[in-house]
Structure formats: structure tokens, C-alpha cells
Amino acid sequence: MVVVVADQIPDAVRGKMKLWFIELKPNVFVSGINDHVAKKVVNYLFSKSPFLSAMTLVISTSEAPGYKIFSLGKKKKKVVEISGLQLITNRLLWYK
């Protein structure tokens, strides 16, 4: 399974994505394509989307932990790797 969340996607790329994905809501796409095709789709999306797209992709894999996270552009949350496990950070706000 592949999940794509993007801030902005060029119209040409968005149209091509609708061949492989279901658009759950604007700029949130889901697909059940296999691992090999998913990697090709990731390469296509990253090569055709500008840095401003702020895109995050989560792909299910057969290897532990069962998913791989790819990201492009500047986002509020970033991907970090801890002991081989990819996680998405949440900025905590501390109030006095």
C-alpha cells in the first residue's frame, strides 16, 4: 500500500497519480500497488514535483518494520530515524 500526502501537486502530476491512486481528499492519495511499482511511482513523483510540493509518502514493505517513509520539500513535521525505525516528529509546544 502507498499513501501520499502533499501540500501542492502540479496538475499534470495529479492527473497521472489518478491512474494509480484513489484521492481520499484533496492531496491525499492511497493505492494498493506492489513494492516494485511503488518505488517507480516514488521516483516519478519526486522527479516531476517541485520542492514546494512538501510531499510525504508512506509505502508498505515486506521488510521490517513494514513501511518506508519518503519526503520531499519543507514540512512542519520531519522524518527522523531512530535505531533503524523511521518516525515522524511532532513539535511540542511548551507553555509557561
N, C-alpha and C. Protein backbone atom coordinates (compact mmCIF):
# COMPACT_ATOMS: atom_id res chain seq x y z
N MET A 1 0.84 -1.17 0.00
CA MET A 1 0.00 0.00 0.00
C MET A 1 0.88 1.23 0.00
N VAL A 2 0.42 2.27 -0.66
CA VAL A 2 1.13 3.54 -0.72
C VAL A 2 0.18 4.65 -0.32
N VAL A 3 0.64 5.54 0.55
CA VAL A 3 -0.14 6.72 0.95
C VAL A 3 0.72 7.94 0.63
N VAL A 4 0.13 8.91 -0.08
CA VAL A 4 0.83 10.14 -0.43
C VAL A 4 0.04 11.31 0.14
N VAL A 5 0.73 12.17 0.88
CA VAL A 5 0.14 13.41 1.40
C VAL A 5 1.02 14.55 0.91
N ALA A 6 0.40 15.52 0.22
CA ALA A 6 1.18 16.62 -0.35
C ALA A 6 0.47 17.94 -0.09
N ASP A 7 1.25 19.00 0.00
CA ASP A 7 0.67 20.34 0.14
C ASP A 7 0.19 20.84 -1.22
N GLN A 8 1.02 20.70 -2.23
CA GLN A 8 0.67 21.14 -3.58
C GLN A 8 1.26 20.14 -4.57
N ILE A 9 0.48 19.78 -5.57
CA ILE A 9 0.96 18.90 -6.63
C ILE A 9 0.62 19.55 -7.95
N PRO A 10 1.56 19.59 -8.90
CA PRO A 10 1.24 20.13 -10.22
C PRO A 10 0.08 19.35 -10.85
N ASP A 11 -0.75 20.03 -11.63
CA ASP A 11 -1.92 19.40 -12.23
C ASP A 11 -1.58 18.19 -13.08
N ALA A 12 -0.48 18.26 -13.83
CA ALA A 12 -0.09 17.14 -14.69
C ALA A 12 0.26 15.91 -13.86
N VAL A 13 0.95 16.11 -12.75
CA VAL A 13 1.32 15.01 -11.86
C VAL A 13 0.08 14.46 -11.17
N ARG A 14 -0.80 15.36 -10.74
CA ARG A 14 -2.04 14.94 -10.07
C ARG A 14 -2.89 14.07 -11.00
N GLY A 15 -2.99 14.45 -12.28
CA GLY A 15 -3.74 13.66 -13.24
C GLY A 15 -3.14 12.29 -13.44
N LYS A 16 -1.82 12.21 -13.50
CA LYS A 16 -1.13 10.93 -13.65
C LYS A 16 -1.31 10.06 -12.41
N MET A 17 -1.31 10.68 -11.23
CA MET A 17 -1.49 9.93 -9.99
C MET A 17 -2.85 9.25 -9.94
N LYS A 18 -3.85 9.86 -10.55
CA LYS A 18 -5.20 9.28 -10.51
C LYS A 18 -5.30 7.98 -11.29
N LEU A 19 -4.25 7.65 -12.06
CA LEU A 19 -4.20 6.34 -12.72
C LEU A 19 -3.95 5.23 -11.70
N TRP A 20 -3.15 5.51 -10.68
CA TRP A 20 -2.73 4.51 -9.71
C TRP A 20 -3.40 4.66 -8.34
N PHE A 21 -3.89 5.85 -8.03
CA PHE A 21 -4.34 6.16 -6.68
C PHE A 21 -5.82 6.54 -6.62
N ILE A 22 -6.38 6.40 -5.43
CA ILE A 22 -7.68 6.96 -5.10
C ILE A 22 -7.40 8.22 -4.29
N GLU A 23 -8.04 9.31 -4.64
CA GLU A 23 -7.84 10.57 -3.91
C GLU A 23 -8.91 10.67 -2.83
N LEU A 24 -8.51 10.41 -1.57
CA LEU A 24 -9.47 10.41 -0.46
C LEU A 24 -10.01 11.79 -0.17
N LYS A 25 -9.13 12.76 -0.18
CA LYS A 25 -9.48 14.17 -0.05
C LYS A 25 -8.40 14.93 -0.78
N PRO A 26 -8.54 16.22 -1.01
CA PRO A 26 -7.53 16.92 -1.80
C PRO A 26 -6.11 16.69 -1.30
N ASN A 27 -5.27 16.22 -2.22
CA ASN A 27 -3.85 15.98 -1.98
C ASN A 27 -3.55 14.85 -1.00
N VAL A 28 -4.48 13.93 -0.80
CA VAL A 28 -4.25 12.71 -0.02
C VAL A 28 -4.63 11.53 -0.91
N PHE A 29 -3.62 10.73 -1.28
CA PHE A 29 -3.82 9.64 -2.22
C PHE A 29 -3.46 8.30 -1.57
N VAL A 30 -4.19 7.23 -1.94
CA VAL A 30 -3.94 5.89 -1.44
C VAL A 30 -4.01 4.91 -2.60
N SER A 31 -3.10 3.92 -2.58
CA SER A 31 -3.09 2.90 -3.62
C SER A 31 -2.59 1.58 -3.05
N GLY A 32 -2.98 0.50 -3.69
CA GLY A 32 -2.56 -0.84 -3.28
C GLY A 32 -1.54 -1.45 -4.21
N ILE A 33 -0.71 -0.64 -4.86
CA ILE A 33 0.28 -1.16 -5.79
C ILE A 33 1.39 -1.91 -5.06
N ASN A 34 2.07 -2.82 -5.76
CA ASN A 34 3.11 -3.63 -5.12
C ASN A 34 4.41 -2.84 -4.92
N ASP A 35 5.37 -3.44 -4.21
CA ASP A 35 6.61 -2.75 -3.84
C ASP A 35 7.39 -2.25 -5.04
N HIS A 36 7.52 -3.07 -6.06
CA HIS A 36 8.32 -2.70 -7.24
C HIS A 36 7.72 -1.49 -7.95
N VAL A 37 6.42 -1.50 -8.18
CA VAL A 37 5.75 -0.38 -8.84
C VAL A 37 5.77 0.85 -7.94
N ALA A 38 5.64 0.64 -6.63
CA ALA A 38 5.63 1.76 -5.68
C ALA A 38 6.94 2.54 -5.76
N LYS A 39 8.07 1.85 -5.87
CA LYS A 39 9.36 2.54 -5.96
C LYS A 39 9.44 3.36 -7.24
N LYS A 40 8.90 2.84 -8.33
CA LYS A 40 8.89 3.59 -9.59
C LYS A 40 8.00 4.83 -9.47
N VAL A 41 6.86 4.69 -8.78
CA VAL A 41 5.96 5.82 -8.59
C VAL A 41 6.63 6.89 -7.73
N VAL A 42 7.34 6.49 -6.68
CA VAL A 42 8.06 7.44 -5.83
C VAL A 42 9.08 8.21 -6.66
N ASN A 43 9.85 7.51 -7.47
CA ASN A 43 10.84 8.17 -8.32
C ASN A 43 10.18 9.15 -9.28
N TYR A 44 9.05 8.75 -9.86
CA TYR A 44 8.32 9.63 -10.78
C TYR A 44 7.84 10.88 -10.05
N LEU A 45 7.21 10.70 -8.89
CA LEU A 45 6.67 11.84 -8.14
C LEU A 45 7.77 12.81 -7.74
N PHE A 46 8.89 12.29 -7.28
CA PHE A 46 9.98 13.17 -6.85
C PHE A 46 10.64 13.87 -8.02
N SER A 47 10.70 13.22 -9.17
CA SER A 47 11.34 13.86 -10.33
C SER A 47 10.45 14.91 -10.98
N LYS A 48 9.13 14.75 -10.88
CA LYS A 48 8.19 15.65 -11.56
C LYS A 48 7.57 16.71 -10.65
N SER A 49 7.76 16.58 -9.34
CA SER A 49 7.16 17.54 -8.41
C SER A 49 8.20 18.53 -7.94
N PRO A 50 7.83 19.81 -7.87
CA PRO A 50 8.78 20.80 -7.38
C PRO A 50 8.99 20.65 -5.87
N PHE A 51 10.07 21.25 -5.40
CA PHE A 51 10.41 21.19 -3.97
C PHE A 51 9.29 21.77 -3.11
N LEU A 52 8.48 22.67 -3.66
CA LEU A 52 7.40 23.30 -2.90
C LEU A 52 6.22 22.36 -2.65
N SER A 53 6.23 21.19 -3.25
CA SER A 53 5.12 20.25 -3.09
C SER A 53 4.98 19.77 -1.65
N ALA A 54 6.05 19.76 -0.89
CA ALA A 54 6.05 19.29 0.50
C ALA A 54 5.28 17.99 0.60
N MET A 55 5.86 16.94 0.05
CA MET A 55 5.19 15.66 -0.09
C MET A 55 5.76 14.63 0.88
N THR A 56 4.88 13.81 1.47
CA THR A 56 5.28 12.69 2.30
C THR A 56 4.64 11.43 1.75
N LEU A 57 5.44 10.39 1.55
CA LEU A 57 4.95 9.11 1.04
C LEU A 57 5.25 8.03 2.06
N VAL A 58 4.28 7.17 2.31
CA VAL A 58 4.47 6.02 3.18
C VAL A 58 4.16 4.79 2.34
N ILE A 59 5.13 3.88 2.25
CA ILE A 59 4.99 2.69 1.42
C ILE A 59 5.12 1.47 2.31
N SER A 60 4.19 0.53 2.18
CA SER A 60 4.31 -0.71 2.93
C SER A 60 5.36 -1.58 2.24
N THR A 61 6.19 -2.26 3.03
CA THR A 61 7.22 -3.13 2.50
C THR A 61 7.17 -4.48 3.20
N SER A 62 7.84 -5.45 2.61
CA SER A 62 7.87 -6.78 3.22
C SER A 62 8.98 -6.89 4.26
N GLU A 63 9.81 -5.85 4.38
CA GLU A 63 10.90 -5.84 5.35
C GLU A 63 10.46 -5.11 6.62
N ALA A 64 11.10 -5.45 7.74
CA ALA A 64 10.77 -4.78 8.99
C ALA A 64 11.12 -3.31 8.88
N PRO A 65 10.39 -2.40 9.41
CA PRO A 65 9.20 -2.51 10.25
C PRO A 65 7.89 -2.63 9.47
N GLY A 66 7.96 -2.79 8.16
CA GLY A 66 6.75 -2.95 7.37
C GLY A 66 6.36 -1.73 6.56
N TYR A 67 7.16 -0.66 6.67
CA TYR A 67 6.89 0.55 5.90
C TYR A 67 8.18 1.32 5.66
N LYS A 68 8.15 2.22 4.70
CA LYS A 68 9.26 3.12 4.40
C LYS A 68 8.66 4.49 4.16
N ILE A 69 9.25 5.53 4.74
CA ILE A 69 8.75 6.89 4.60
C ILE A 69 9.72 7.68 3.73
N PHE A 70 9.17 8.36 2.72
CA PHE A 70 9.95 9.25 1.86
C PHE A 70 9.34 10.63 2.00
N SER A 71 10.17 11.67 1.92
CA SER A 71 9.63 13.02 1.99
C SER A 71 10.37 13.95 1.05
N LEU A 72 9.67 14.99 0.64
CA LEU A 72 10.21 15.99 -0.28
C LEU A 72 9.73 17.36 0.17
N GLY A 73 10.60 18.33 0.19
CA GLY A 73 10.21 19.70 0.50
C GLY A 73 10.22 20.01 1.98
N LYS A 74 9.83 21.24 2.28
CA LYS A 74 9.82 21.72 3.65
C LYS A 74 8.45 21.50 4.26
N LYS A 75 8.42 20.76 5.37
CA LYS A 75 7.17 20.43 6.04
C LYS A 75 7.24 20.83 7.51
N LYS A 76 6.09 20.89 8.15
CA LYS A 76 6.05 21.21 9.57
C LYS A 76 6.61 20.05 10.39
N LYS A 77 6.37 18.82 9.94
CA LYS A 77 6.86 17.63 10.63
C LYS A 77 7.93 16.99 9.76
N LYS A 78 8.98 16.46 10.40
CA LYS A 78 10.02 15.84 9.61
C LYS A 78 10.21 14.39 10.01
N VAL A 79 10.83 13.65 9.11
CA VAL A 79 11.07 12.23 9.32
C VAL A 79 12.43 12.07 9.99
N VAL A 80 12.47 11.31 11.07
CA VAL A 80 13.73 11.01 11.75
C VAL A 80 13.87 9.49 11.84
N GLU A 81 15.10 9.03 11.93
CA GLU A 81 15.34 7.60 12.05
C GLU A 81 16.02 7.33 13.38
N ILE A 82 15.42 6.45 14.16
CA ILE A 82 15.96 6.08 15.46
C ILE A 82 16.09 4.57 15.49
N SER A 83 17.32 4.08 15.63
CA SER A 83 17.60 2.65 15.65
C SER A 83 16.98 1.92 14.46
N GLY A 84 17.05 2.53 13.29
CA GLY A 84 16.54 1.90 12.08
C GLY A 84 15.04 2.03 11.88
N LEU A 85 14.34 2.70 12.79
CA LEU A 85 12.90 2.88 12.70
C LEU A 85 12.60 4.32 12.32
N GLN A 86 11.86 4.50 11.22
CA GLN A 86 11.51 5.85 10.77
C GLN A 86 10.28 6.33 11.52
N LEU A 87 10.36 7.54 12.03
CA LEU A 87 9.27 8.15 12.78
C LEU A 87 9.06 9.57 12.27
N ILE A 88 7.85 10.09 12.46
CA ILE A 88 7.55 11.47 12.09
C ILE A 88 7.47 12.28 13.37
N THR A 89 8.27 13.34 13.42
CA THR A 89 8.33 14.14 14.64
C THR A 89 7.13 15.07 14.75
N ASN A 90 6.80 15.39 15.96
CA ASN A 90 5.75 16.35 16.28
C ASN A 90 6.40 17.41 17.14
N ARG A 91 6.32 18.64 16.72
CA ARG A 91 6.92 19.70 17.51
C ARG A 91 6.03 19.95 18.73
N LEU A 92 6.61 19.84 19.89
CA LEU A 92 5.87 20.07 21.12
C LEU A 92 5.97 21.53 21.51
N LEU A 93 4.87 22.10 21.89
CA LEU A 93 4.86 23.48 22.35
C LEU A 93 4.78 23.50 23.87
N TRP A 94 5.69 24.18 24.46
CA TRP A 94 5.73 24.27 25.92
C TRP A 94 5.25 25.65 26.33
N TYR A 95 4.31 25.67 27.23
CA TYR A 95 3.77 26.94 27.73
C TYR A 95 4.18 27.09 29.19
N LYS A 96 4.47 28.31 29.56
CA LYS A 96 4.83 28.59 30.97
C LYS A 96 3.62 29.07 31.72
